[in-house]
Amino acid sequence: MNQGLEVIDLAMRIVGAKSLEMNRPLQRYYRDMRAGLHNPPMEDAAYTNIAKSITDTF
């Protein structure tokens, strides 16, 4: 989970304010990762789900 937060935070910094637009997938990834802090899944399951969601977008 912590690694995912680092990745999405870095991606948001690179893309900038555009990453917050509702039509951008980064804003959803950011919300999903932050929401995970309040209801953390098992770390290995989180990696699988995150990887699947990323590969599904390409």
PDB file of N, CA and C in Angstrom:
ATOM      1  N   MET A   1       0.823  -1.180   0.000  1.00  0.00           N
ATOM      2  CA  MET A   1       0.000   0.000   0.000  1.00  0.00           C
ATOM      3  C   MET A   1       0.870   1.247   0.000  1.00  0.00           C
ATOM      4  N   ASN A   2       1.891   1.259   0.833  1.00  0.00           N
ATOM      5  CA  ASN A   2       2.746   2.443   0.903  1.00  0.00           C
ATOM      6  C   ASN A   2       3.460   2.708  -0.418  1.00  0.00           C
ATOM      7  N   GLN A   3       3.871   1.645  -1.103  1.00  0.00           N
ATOM      8  CA  GLN A   3       4.546   1.829  -2.381  1.00  0.00           C
ATOM      9  C   GLN A   3       3.582   2.417  -3.410  1.00  0.00           C
ATOM     10  N   GLY A   4       2.356   1.968  -3.377  1.00  0.00           N
ATOM     11  CA  GLY A   4       1.344   2.503  -4.288  1.00  0.00           C
ATOM     12  C   GLY A   4       1.098   3.981  -4.053  1.00  0.00           C
ATOM     13  N   LEU A   5       1.076   4.371  -2.785  1.00  0.00           N
ATOM     14  CA  LEU A   5       0.898   5.789  -2.459  1.00  0.00           C
ATOM     15  C   LEU A   5       2.065   6.616  -2.982  1.00  0.00           C
ATOM     16  N   GLU A   6       3.270   6.083  -2.851  1.00  0.00           N
ATOM     17  CA  GLU A   6       4.448   6.797  -3.361  1.00  0.00           C
ATOM     18  C   GLU A   6       4.370   6.960  -4.874  1.00  0.00           C
ATOM     19  N   VAL A   7       3.961   5.909  -5.556  1.00  0.00           N
ATOM     20  CA  VAL A   7       3.877   5.948  -7.018  1.00  0.00           C
ATOM     21  C   VAL A   7       2.833   6.959  -7.473  1.00  0.00           C
ATOM     22  N   ILE A   8       1.646   6.899  -6.902  1.00  0.00           N
ATOM     23  CA  ILE A   8       0.588   7.809  -7.345  1.00  0.00           C
ATOM     24  C   ILE A   8       0.915   9.246  -6.971  1.00  0.00           C
ATOM     25  N   ASP A   9       1.527   9.474  -5.827  1.00  0.00           N
ATOM     26  CA  ASP A   9       1.930  10.832  -5.454  1.00  0.00           C
ATOM     27  C   ASP A   9       2.950  11.382  -6.453  1.00  0.00           C
ATOM     28  N   LEU A  10       3.917  10.565  -6.845  1.00  0.00           N
ATOM     29  CA  LEU A  10       4.915  10.996  -7.819  1.00  0.00           C
ATOM     30  C   LEU A  10       4.258  11.270  -9.175  1.00  0.00           C
ATOM     31  N   ALA A  11       3.369  10.382  -9.597  1.00  0.00           N
ATOM     32  CA  ALA A  11       2.677  10.576 -10.875  1.00  0.00           C
ATOM     33  C   ALA A  11       1.865  11.867 -10.874  1.00  0.00           C
ATOM     34  N   MET A  12       1.194  12.148  -9.764  1.00  0.00           N
ATOM     35  CA  MET A  12       0.402  13.379  -9.663  1.00  0.00           C
ATOM     36  C   MET A  12       1.312  14.602  -9.734  1.00  0.00           C
ATOM     37  N   ARG A  13       2.465  14.535  -9.125  1.00  0.00           N
ATOM     38  CA  ARG A  13       3.411  15.662  -9.176  1.00  0.00           C
ATOM     39  C   ARG A  13       3.940  15.872 -10.590  1.00  0.00           C
ATOM     40  N   ILE A  14       4.203  14.788 -11.284  1.00  0.00           N
ATOM     41  CA  ILE A  14       4.720  14.887 -12.650  1.00  0.00           C
ATOM     42  C   ILE A  14       3.672  15.494 -13.580  1.00  0.00           C
ATOM     43  N   VAL A  15       2.445  15.005 -13.496  1.00  0.00           N
ATOM     44  CA  VAL A  15       1.381  15.463 -14.393  1.00  0.00           C
ATOM     45  C   VAL A  15       0.876  16.844 -13.991  1.00  0.00           C
ATOM     46  N   GLY A  16       0.856  17.119 -12.706  1.00  0.00           N
ATOM     47  CA  GLY A  16       0.410  18.426 -12.235  1.00  0.00           C
ATOM     48  C   GLY A  16      -1.098  18.510 -12.071  1.00  0.00           C
ATOM     49  N   ALA A  17      -1.627  19.724 -12.159  1.00  0.00           N
ATOM     50  CA  ALA A  17      -3.044  19.973 -11.884  1.00  0.00           C
ATOM     51  C   ALA A  17      -3.972  19.218 -12.829  1.00  0.00           C
ATOM     52  N   LYS A  18      -3.519  18.941 -14.040  1.00  0.00           N
ATOM     53  CA  LYS A  18      -4.343  18.191 -14.999  1.00  0.00           C
ATOM     54  C   LYS A  18      -4.723  16.814 -14.463  1.00  0.00           C
ATOM     55  N   SER A  19      -3.910  16.270 -13.574  1.00  0.00           N
ATOM     56  CA  SER A  19      -4.191  14.934 -13.039  1.00  0.00           C
ATOM     57  C   SER A  19      -5.435  14.919 -12.162  1.00  0.00           C
ATOM     58  N   LEU A  20      -5.923  16.085 -11.760  1.00  0.00           N
ATOM     59  CA  LEU A  20      -7.121  16.159 -10.918  1.00  0.00           C
ATOM     60  C   LEU A  20      -8.414  16.244 -11.722  1.00  0.00           C
ATOM     61  N   GLU A  21      -8.318  16.381 -13.045  1.00  0.00           N
ATOM     62  CA  GLU A  21      -9.519  16.452 -13.870  1.00  0.00           C
ATOM     63  C   GLU A  21     -10.261  15.122 -13.815  1.00  0.00           C
ATOM     64  N   MET A  22     -11.583  15.199 -13.766  1.00  0.00           N
ATOM     65  CA  MET A  22     -12.402  13.998 -13.584  1.00  0.00           C
ATOM     66  C   MET A  22     -12.261  12.997 -14.734  1.00  0.00           C
ATOM     67  N   ASN A  23     -11.880  13.441 -15.912  1.00  0.00           N
ATOM     68  CA  ASN A  23     -11.740  12.508 -17.035  1.00  0.00           C
ATOM     69  C   ASN A  23     -10.362  11.848 -17.088  1.00  0.00           C
ATOM     70  N   ARG A  24      -9.525  12.128 -16.116  1.00  0.00           N
ATOM     71  CA  ARG A  24      -8.182  11.540 -16.055  1.00  0.00           C
ATOM     72  C   ARG A  24      -8.174  10.360 -15.084  1.00  0.00           C
ATOM     73  N   PRO A  25      -7.577   9.235 -15.485  1.00  0.00           N
ATOM     74  CA  PRO A  25      -7.561   8.079 -14.586  1.00  0.00           C
ATOM     75  C   PRO A  25      -6.733   8.301 -13.323  1.00  0.00           C
ATOM     76  N   LEU A  26      -5.757   9.205 -13.378  1.00  0.00           N
ATOM     77  CA  LEU A  26      -4.922   9.425 -12.189  1.00  0.00           C
ATOM     78  C   LEU A  26      -5.732   9.894 -10.988  1.00  0.00           C
ATOM     79  N   GLN A  27      -6.748  10.723 -11.213  1.00  0.00           N
ATOM     80  CA  GLN A  27      -7.533  11.218 -10.078  1.00  0.00           C
ATOM     81  C   GLN A  27      -8.262  10.067  -9.397  1.00  0.00           C
ATOM     82  N   ARG A  28      -8.710   9.098 -10.195  1.00  0.00           N
ATOM     83  CA  ARG A  28      -9.384   7.928  -9.605  1.00  0.00           C
ATOM     84  C   ARG A  28      -8.387   7.055  -8.852  1.00  0.00           C
ATOM     85  N   TYR A  29      -7.217   6.850  -9.448  1.00  0.00           N
ATOM     86  CA  TYR A  29      -6.192   6.062  -8.766  1.00  0.00           C
ATOM     87  C   TYR A  29      -5.795   6.728  -7.451  1.00  0.00           C
ATOM     88  N   TYR A  30      -5.681   8.051  -7.476  1.00  0.00           N
ATOM     89  CA  TYR A  30      -5.325   8.808  -6.268  1.00  0.00           C
ATOM     90  C   TYR A  30      -6.389   8.610  -5.192  1.00  0.00           C
ATOM     91  N   ARG A  31      -7.645   8.777  -5.562  1.00  0.00           N
ATOM     92  CA  ARG A  31      -8.741   8.592  -4.594  1.00  0.00           C
ATOM     93  C   ARG A  31      -8.756   7.171  -4.058  1.00  0.00           C
ATOM     94  N   ASP A  32      -8.596   6.199  -4.958  1.00  0.00           N
ATOM     95  CA  ASP A  32      -8.634   4.796  -4.540  1.00  0.00           C
ATOM     96  C   ASP A  32      -7.511   4.476  -3.557  1.00  0.00           C
ATOM     97  N   MET A  33      -6.322   4.969  -3.847  1.00  0.00           N
ATOM     98  CA  MET A  33      -5.188   4.699  -2.959  1.00  0.00           C
ATOM     99  C   MET A  33      -5.375   5.378  -1.611  1.00  0.00           C
ATOM    100  N   ARG A  34      -5.850   6.606  -1.619  1.00  0.00           N
ATOM    101  CA  ARG A  34      -6.063   7.322  -0.358  1.00  0.00           C
ATOM    102  C   ARG A  34      -7.191   6.679   0.442  1.00  0.00           C
ATOM    103  N   ALA A  35      -8.234   6.226  -0.231  1.00  0.00           N
ATOM    104  CA  ALA A  35      -9.342   5.565   0.462  1.00  0.00           C
ATOM    105  C   ALA A  35      -8.865   4.277   1.118  1.00  0.00           C
ATOM    106  N   GLY A  36      -7.883   3.644   0.503  1.00  0.00           N
ATOM    107  CA  GLY A  36      -7.339   2.410   1.058  1.00  0.00           C
ATOM    108  C   GLY A  36      -6.702   2.587   2.422  1.00  0.00           C
ATOM    109  N   LEU A  37      -6.307   3.811   2.739  1.00  0.00           N
ATOM    110  CA  LEU A  37      -5.733   4.067   4.061  1.00  0.00           C
ATOM    111  C   LEU A  37      -6.755   3.852   5.171  1.00  0.00           C
ATOM    112  N   HIS A  38      -8.026   4.044   4.848  1.00  0.00           N
ATOM    113  CA  HIS A  38      -9.082   3.926   5.853  1.00  0.00           C
ATOM    114  C   HIS A  38      -9.652   2.516   5.938  1.00  0.00           C
ATOM    115  N   ASN A  39      -9.425   1.728   4.912  1.00  0.00           N
ATOM    116  CA  ASN A  39      -9.892   0.347   4.887  1.00  0.00           C
ATOM    117  C   ASN A  39      -8.836  -0.483   4.159  1.00  0.00           C
ATOM    118  N   PRO A  40      -7.683  -0.681   4.783  1.00  0.00           N
ATOM    119  CA  PRO A  40      -6.569  -1.308   4.067  1.00  0.00           C
ATOM    120  C   PRO A  40      -6.816  -2.779   3.732  1.00  0.00           C
ATOM    121  N   PRO A  41      -6.605  -3.153   2.458  1.00  0.00           N
ATOM    122  CA  PRO A  41      -6.696  -4.567   2.079  1.00  0.00           C
ATOM    123  C   PRO A  41      -5.394  -5.276   2.414  1.00  0.00           C
ATOM    124  N   MET A  42      -5.383  -6.568   2.200  1.00  0.00           N
ATOM    125  CA  MET A  42      -4.132  -7.300   2.348  1.00  0.00           C
ATOM    126  C   MET A  42      -3.179  -6.814   1.261  1.00  0.00           C
ATOM    127  N   GLU A  43      -1.930  -6.605   1.604  1.00  0.00           N
ATOM    128  CA  GLU A  43      -0.984  -5.974   0.682  1.00  0.00           C
ATOM    129  C   GLU A  43      -0.817  -6.750  -0.621  1.00  0.00           C
ATOM    130  N   ASP A  44      -0.739  -8.080  -0.562  1.00  0.00           N
ATOM    131  CA  ASP A  44      -0.555  -8.849  -1.793  1.00  0.00           C
ATOM    132  C   ASP A  44      -1.774  -8.758  -2.696  1.00  0.00           C
ATOM    133  N   ALA A  45      -2.962  -8.737  -2.114  1.00  0.00           N
ATOM    134  CA  ALA A  45      -4.182  -8.581  -2.907  1.00  0.00           C
ATOM    135  C   ALA A  45      -4.235  -7.192  -3.528  1.00  0.00           C
ATOM    136  N   ALA A  46      -3.777  -6.204  -2.804  1.00  0.00           N
ATOM    137  CA  ALA A  46      -3.759  -4.836  -3.330  1.00  0.00           C
ATOM    138  C   ALA A  46      -2.850  -4.755  -4.552  1.00  0.00           C
ATOM    139  N   TYR A  47      -1.674  -5.362  -4.492  1.00  0.00           N
ATOM    140  CA  TYR A  47      -0.759  -5.347  -5.638  1.00  0.00           C
ATOM    141  C   TYR A  47      -1.414  -5.979  -6.863  1.00  0.00           C
ATOM    142  N   THR A  48      -2.082  -7.087  -6.666  1.00  0.00           N
ATOM    143  CA  THR A  48      -2.747  -7.765  -7.775  1.00  0.00           C
ATOM    144  C   THR A  48      -3.823  -6.880  -8.377  1.00  0.00           C
ATOM    145  N   ASN A  49      -4.655  -6.281  -7.544  1.00  0.00           N
ATOM    146  CA  ASN A  49      -5.740  -5.432  -8.035  1.00  0.00           C
ATOM    147  C   ASN A  49      -5.223  -4.186  -8.731  1.00  0.00           C
ATOM    148  N   ILE A  50      -4.203  -3.572  -8.189  1.00  0.00           N
ATOM    149  CA  ILE A  50      -3.635  -2.367  -8.801  1.00  0.00           C
ATOM    150  C   ILE A  50      -3.019  -2.711 -10.152  1.00  0.00           C
ATOM    151  N   ALA A  51      -2.258  -3.782 -10.208  1.00  0.00           N
ATOM    152  CA  ALA A  51      -1.636  -4.185 -11.469  1.00  0.00           C
ATOM    153  C   ALA A  51      -2.693  -4.509 -12.515  1.00  0.00           C
ATOM    154  N   LYS A  52      -3.751  -5.182 -12.112  1.00  0.00           N
ATOM    155  CA  LYS A  52      -4.822  -5.516 -13.047  1.00  0.00           C
ATOM    156  C   LYS A  52      -5.500  -4.261 -13.570  1.00  0.00           C
ATOM    157  N   SER A  53      -5.792  -3.305 -12.695  1.00  0.00           N
ATOM    158  CA  SER A  53      -6.464  -2.087 -13.151  1.00  0.00           C
ATOM    159  C   SER A  53      -5.575  -1.286 -14.095  1.00  0.00           C
ATOM    160  N   ILE A  54      -4.278  -1.300 -13.864  1.00  0.00           N
ATOM    161  CA  ILE A  54      -3.367  -0.575 -14.753  1.00  0.00           C
ATOM    162  C   ILE A  54      -3.289  -1.265 -16.112  1.00  0.00           C
ATOM    163  N   THR A  55      -3.144  -2.581 -16.117  1.00  0.00           N
ATOM    164  CA  THR A  55      -3.032  -3.286 -17.396  1.00  0.00           C
ATOM    165  C   THR A  55      -4.343  -3.258 -18.167  1.00  0.00           C
ATOM    166  N   ASP A  56      -5.472  -3.187 -17.481  1.00  0.00           N
ATOM    167  CA  ASP A  56      -6.766  -3.117 -18.163  1.00  0.00           C
ATOM    168  C   ASP A  56      -6.958  -1.800 -18.905  1.00  0.00           C
ATOM    169  N   THR A  57      -6.254  -0.744 -18.493  1.00  0.00           N
ATOM    170  CA  THR A  57      -6.420   0.553 -19.150  1.00  0.00           C
ATOM    171  C   THR A  57      -5.617   0.659 -20.438  1.00  0.00           C
ATOM    172  N   PHE A  58      -4.708  -0.273 -20.675  1.00  0.00           N
ATOM    173  CA  PHE A  58      -3.879  -0.194 -21.884  1.00  0.00           C
ATOM    174  C   PHE A  58      -4.324  -1.175 -22.892  1.00  0.00           C
TER     175      PHE A  58
END
